[in-house]
């Protein structure tokens, strides 16, 4: 389960007495793999608080609350229990001069990690192509997606343009489109992920010809809160694009 560790500073405390944070990051991030991500924040004086009242945006320079305590940074950890997260937080150097607030992520049991989401979306695209289900396919993409596909020379921006490109592609083909993933590598991140795939596409053209093409697909994904969506995609044809079975 993931927990957010809010690193709480105190402007009345002397930070020079705290131990360096790098050994803590090395221990729980590099060696143990519990710390997934984290970063320092600038001082509250550089914050901007935004409120909207009756349609009017109200901006106030400074933090949400004027207190001597403030959030100086954060870390995201993945632990088996709250007790483990508390133990890790207690070892953070700021715990000796400030405080560490440990808070579980909301609905963690219903969220996907980045790699699981990427592989699920890839499988969904394969099934949607086979069934020629354009609605199912475009549901995998963000509304503001930017894509470079093989149909047309222009960049596709937005879900409506992407749908039009997919419809144009399917109009040249008859029957199912077989999408075989020959290689898929995923690089998960915090709130985003990237993948690189080698994909073989096979289908029958409406003129009776055969489509059998190997393409490279580089994809960027965005965590949209309740699900992951494709935000950017680039499809290209390798210089050696001969289908695997025909290579010598």
Protein backbone atom coordinates (compact mmCIF):
# COMPACT_ATOMS: atom_id res chain seq x y z
CA UNK A 1 0.00 0.00 0.00
CA UNK A 2 1.23 3.49 -0.82
CA UNK A 3 1.63 6.20 1.81
CA UNK A 4 2.41 9.88 1.52
CA UNK A 5 4.98 11.09 4.03
CA UNK A 6 4.53 14.84 4.50
CA UNK A 7 7.78 16.32 5.78
CA UNK A 8 6.70 19.04 8.19
CA UNK A 9 9.19 21.73 9.13
CA UNK A 10 9.11 24.28 11.94
CA UNK A 11 10.44 27.78 11.30
CA UNK A 12 11.44 28.08 14.95
CA UNK A 13 13.73 25.02 14.76
CA UNK A 14 17.39 25.10 13.73
CA UNK A 15 17.72 22.82 10.65
CA UNK A 16 21.50 22.69 11.02
CA UNK A 17 21.08 20.05 13.71
CA UNK A 18 19.38 17.59 11.38
CA UNK A 19 21.29 14.75 9.75
CA UNK A 20 21.56 14.75 5.92
CA UNK A 21 18.65 13.10 4.14
CA UNK A 22 20.73 11.33 1.46
CA UNK A 23 21.53 8.20 3.56
CA UNK A 24 17.79 7.80 4.33
CA UNK A 25 16.96 8.04 0.62
CA UNK A 26 19.72 5.56 -0.22
CA UNK A 27 18.54 3.05 2.40
CA UNK A 28 14.79 3.10 1.72
CA UNK A 29 14.85 4.02 -1.96
CA UNK A 30 17.83 2.35 -3.61
CA UNK A 31 18.46 -0.59 -1.27
CA UNK A 32 15.00 -1.51 0.00
CA UNK A 33 12.83 -0.08 -2.77
CA UNK A 34 10.15 1.23 -0.38
CA UNK A 35 10.60 4.91 -1.29
CA UNK A 36 9.15 5.47 -4.76
CA UNK A 37 9.50 9.22 -5.15
CA UNK A 38 9.96 12.43 -3.23
CA UNK A 39 11.05 16.03 -3.43
CA UNK A 40 11.69 19.15 -1.40
CA UNK A 41 9.35 22.13 -1.63
CA UNK A 42 10.28 25.79 -1.59
CA UNK A 43 9.45 27.89 1.46
CA UNK A 44 5.82 28.88 2.20
CA UNK A 45 6.59 32.51 1.34
CA UNK A 46 6.83 31.44 -2.31
CA UNK A 47 3.46 29.68 -2.28
CA UNK A 48 0.27 30.95 -3.92
CA UNK A 49 -3.16 30.01 -2.53
CA UNK A 50 -6.01 29.84 -5.06
CA UNK A 51 -9.73 29.92 -4.28
CA UNK A 52 -12.75 30.22 -6.57
CA UNK A 53 -15.84 31.98 -5.19
CA UNK A 54 -18.92 32.58 -7.36
CA UNK A 55 -16.86 32.02 -10.48
CA UNK A 56 -14.15 34.50 -9.48
CA UNK A 57 -10.57 33.28 -9.05
CA UNK A 58 -9.10 34.63 -5.82
CA UNK A 59 -5.33 34.47 -5.54
CA UNK A 60 -3.43 35.05 -2.32
CA UNK A 61 0.35 35.11 -2.05
CA UNK A 62 1.51 32.83 0.72
CA UNK A 63 0.44 29.50 2.24
CA UNK A 64 -3.08 28.28 2.98
CA UNK A 65 -2.58 28.73 6.73
CA UNK A 66 -0.24 31.08 8.60
CA UNK A 67 1.47 28.81 11.11
CA UNK A 68 5.02 28.18 12.24
CA UNK A 69 4.73 24.61 10.90
CA UNK A 70 4.79 24.04 7.16
CA UNK A 71 5.17 21.22 4.62
CA UNK A 72 8.81 21.25 3.52
CA UNK A 73 8.63 18.26 1.18
CA UNK A 74 7.11 14.86 0.61
CA UNK A 75 7.99 11.23 -0.01
CA UNK A 76 5.86 8.40 -1.41
CA UNK A 77 6.55 4.97 0.05
CA UNK A 78 5.12 1.54 -0.71
CA UNK A 79 4.79 -0.54 2.48
CA UNK A 80 3.04 -3.68 3.65
CA UNK A 81 1.45 -1.89 6.60
CA UNK A 82 0.96 1.43 8.33
CA UNK A 83 3.39 0.31 11.01
CA UNK A 84 6.14 -0.13 8.43
CA UNK A 85 5.41 3.31 6.97
CA UNK A 86 5.60 4.84 10.47
CA UNK A 87 8.92 3.10 11.09
CA UNK A 88 10.36 4.50 7.86
CA UNK A 89 9.02 7.97 8.67
CA UNK A 90 10.60 7.84 12.12
CA UNK A 91 14.01 7.29 10.53
CA UNK A 92 13.72 10.44 8.40
CA UNK A 93 16.11 13.16 9.65
CA UNK A 94 13.33 15.78 9.76
CA UNK A 95 11.47 13.70 12.35
CA UNK A 96 14.05 14.84 14.93
CA UNK A 97 13.45 18.59 14.48
CA UNK A 98 10.01 18.74 12.82
CA UNK A 99 7.37 16.10 12.17
CA UNK A 100 6.38 13.47 9.62
CA UNK A 101 2.72 13.05 8.73
CA UNK A 102 1.96 9.56 7.38
CA UNK A 103 -1.19 9.36 5.28
CA UNK A 104 -2.42 6.45 3.10
CA UNK A 105 -3.48 7.11 -0.49
CA UNK A 106 -7.24 7.14 -1.13
CA UNK A 107 -8.81 3.93 -2.49
CA UNK A 108 -5.43 2.30 -2.92
CA UNK A 109 -7.07 -1.08 -3.40
CA UNK A 110 -8.75 0.12 -6.59
CA UNK A 111 -5.78 1.78 -8.28
CA UNK A 112 -3.32 0.25 -10.69
CA UNK A 113 0.41 0.62 -10.68
CA UNK A 114 1.87 2.09 -13.84
CA UNK A 115 3.23 -1.11 -15.37
CA UNK A 116 0.01 -3.06 -14.78
CA UNK A 117 -1.99 -0.23 -16.37
CA UNK A 118 0.28 -0.06 -19.43
CA UNK A 119 0.04 -3.78 -20.09
CA UNK A 120 -3.74 -3.73 -19.59
CA UNK A 121 -4.13 -0.88 -22.10
CA UNK A 122 -1.91 -2.67 -24.59
CA UNK A 123 -4.02 -5.82 -24.33
CA UNK A 124 -7.16 -3.71 -24.71
CA UNK A 125 -5.83 -2.18 -27.95
CA UNK A 126 -5.08 -5.65 -29.29
CA UNK A 127 -8.64 -6.87 -28.63
CA UNK A 128 -10.22 -3.66 -29.93
CA UNK A 129 -8.26 -3.89 -33.19
CA UNK A 130 -9.27 -7.51 -33.68
CA UNK A 131 -12.93 -6.59 -33.22
CA UNK A 132 -12.58 -3.32 -35.17
CA UNK A 133 -14.16 -1.58 -32.16
CA UNK A 134 -13.27 2.08 -32.58
CA UNK A 135 -15.09 3.18 -29.40
CA UNK A 136 -13.19 0.66 -27.33
CA UNK A 137 -9.91 1.68 -28.93
CA UNK A 138 -10.29 5.45 -28.53
CA UNK A 139 -11.38 4.99 -24.90
CA UNK A 140 -7.73 4.16 -24.18
CA UNK A 141 -6.63 7.69 -25.13
CA UNK A 142 -6.75 11.05 -23.33
CA UNK A 143 -9.02 13.76 -24.79
CA UNK A 144 -5.96 15.89 -25.65
CA UNK A 145 -3.87 13.03 -27.04
CA UNK A 146 -1.12 13.80 -29.54
CA UNK A 147 -0.32 10.97 -31.92
CA UNK A 148 1.83 10.28 -34.97
CA UNK A 149 0.37 7.26 -36.73
CA UNK A 150 0.92 5.71 -40.15
CA UNK A 151 -2.25 7.11 -41.71
CA UNK A 152 -1.57 10.60 -43.05
CA UNK A 153 1.52 12.73 -42.65
CA UNK A 154 0.11 15.20 -40.14
CA UNK A 155 0.20 14.94 -36.38
CA UNK A 156 -3.12 13.90 -34.84
CA UNK A 157 -4.21 16.17 -31.99
CA UNK A 158 -7.24 15.43 -29.86
CA UNK A 159 -9.50 12.42 -29.59
CA UNK A 160 -11.78 13.49 -32.48
CA UNK A 161 -8.87 13.68 -34.91
CA UNK A 162 -7.52 10.37 -33.65
CA UNK A 163 -10.89 8.71 -34.17
CA UNK A 164 -11.04 10.04 -37.72
CA UNK A 165 -7.58 8.61 -38.44
CA UNK A 166 -8.54 5.19 -37.05
CA UNK A 167 -11.75 5.18 -39.12
CA UNK A 168 -9.71 6.03 -42.25
CA UNK A 169 -7.34 3.16 -41.52
CA UNK A 170 -10.12 0.61 -40.93
CA UNK A 171 -11.85 1.75 -44.12
CA UNK A 172 -8.92 0.35 -46.13
CA UNK A 173 -9.14 -3.04 -44.41
CA UNK A 174 -11.67 -5.85 -44.25
CA UNK A 175 -12.14 -8.29 -41.40
CA UNK A 176 -10.23 -8.30 -38.12
CA UNK A 177 -6.91 -6.55 -37.61
CA UNK A 178 -4.43 -8.86 -35.91
CA UNK A 179 -2.09 -6.96 -33.59
CA UNK A 180 0.79 -9.10 -32.31
CA UNK A 181 3.11 -7.54 -29.73
CA UNK A 182 6.59 -8.95 -30.36
CA UNK A 183 8.31 -6.92 -27.64
CA UNK A 184 7.01 -4.56 -24.95
CA UNK A 185 9.20 -2.62 -22.54
CA UNK A 186 7.65 -0.44 -19.85
CA UNK A 187 9.28 2.40 -17.94
CA UNK A 188 6.88 3.31 -15.10
CA UNK A 189 7.03 6.67 -13.37
CA UNK A 190 5.13 8.66 -10.76
CA UNK A 191 1.94 9.81 -12.45
CA UNK A 192 3.24 8.96 -15.91
CA UNK A 193 4.79 6.05 -17.77
CA UNK A 194 6.40 5.25 -21.11
CA UNK A 195 6.54 2.11 -23.21
CA UNK A 196 8.30 0.96 -26.33
CA UNK A 197 6.83 -1.88 -28.34
CA UNK A 198 7.54 -3.76 -31.54
CA UNK A 199 4.18 -4.68 -33.04
CA UNK A 200 3.25 -6.78 -36.05
CA UNK A 201 0.00 -5.78 -37.81
CA UNK A 202 -1.77 -8.21 -40.14
CA UNK A 203 -5.03 -7.75 -42.03
CA UNK A 204 -6.67 -8.13 -45.42
CA UNK A 205 -7.05 -5.00 -47.53
CA UNK A 206 -10.38 -4.20 -49.18
CA UNK A 207 -8.72 -4.64 -52.58
CA UNK A 208 -7.74 -8.21 -51.65
CA UNK A 209 -4.13 -7.44 -50.83
CA UNK A 210 -2.44 -8.35 -47.58
CA UNK A 211 -1.20 -6.00 -44.87
CA UNK A 212 1.71 -7.50 -42.94
CA UNK A 213 3.82 -4.82 -41.32
CA UNK A 214 6.12 -4.50 -38.32
CA UNK A 215 6.05 -1.13 -36.56
CA UNK A 216 7.68 0.48 -33.55
CA UNK A 217 5.32 2.15 -31.09
CA UNK A 218 6.50 4.62 -28.45
CA UNK A 219 3.76 5.61 -26.02
CA UNK A 220 3.40 8.04 -23.13
CA UNK A 221 0.73 7.42 -20.49
CA UNK A 222 -0.87 9.73 -17.92
CA UNK A 223 -2.47 8.84 -14.60
CA UNK A 224 -5.92 10.42 -14.98
CA UNK A 225 -6.99 9.63 -11.42
CA UNK A 226 -9.49 6.81 -11.87
CA UNK A 227 -7.57 5.25 -14.76
CA UNK A 228 -4.51 5.59 -16.99
CA UNK A 229 -4.77 7.00 -20.52
CA UNK A 230 -2.48 7.37 -23.52
CA UNK A 231 -1.40 11.01 -23.82
CA UNK A 232 1.19 10.67 -26.60
CA UNK A 233 1.95 8.00 -29.19
CA UNK A 234 4.38 7.72 -32.06
CA UNK A 235 4.25 4.87 -34.60
CA UNK A 236 7.10 4.37 -37.06
CA UNK A 237 8.25 1.72 -39.53
CA UNK A 238 11.74 0.26 -38.93
CA UNK A 239 14.15 0.31 -41.85
CA UNK A 240 14.11 -3.50 -41.69
CA UNK A 241 10.34 -3.94 -41.69
CA UNK A 242 10.16 -7.47 -43.09
CA UNK A 243 7.80 -9.66 -41.05
CA UNK A 244 9.73 -12.01 -38.73
CA UNK A 245 8.72 -15.23 -40.55
CA UNK A 246 10.18 -13.93 -43.82
CA UNK A 247 13.55 -12.82 -42.45
CA UNK A 248 16.56 -14.91 -43.37
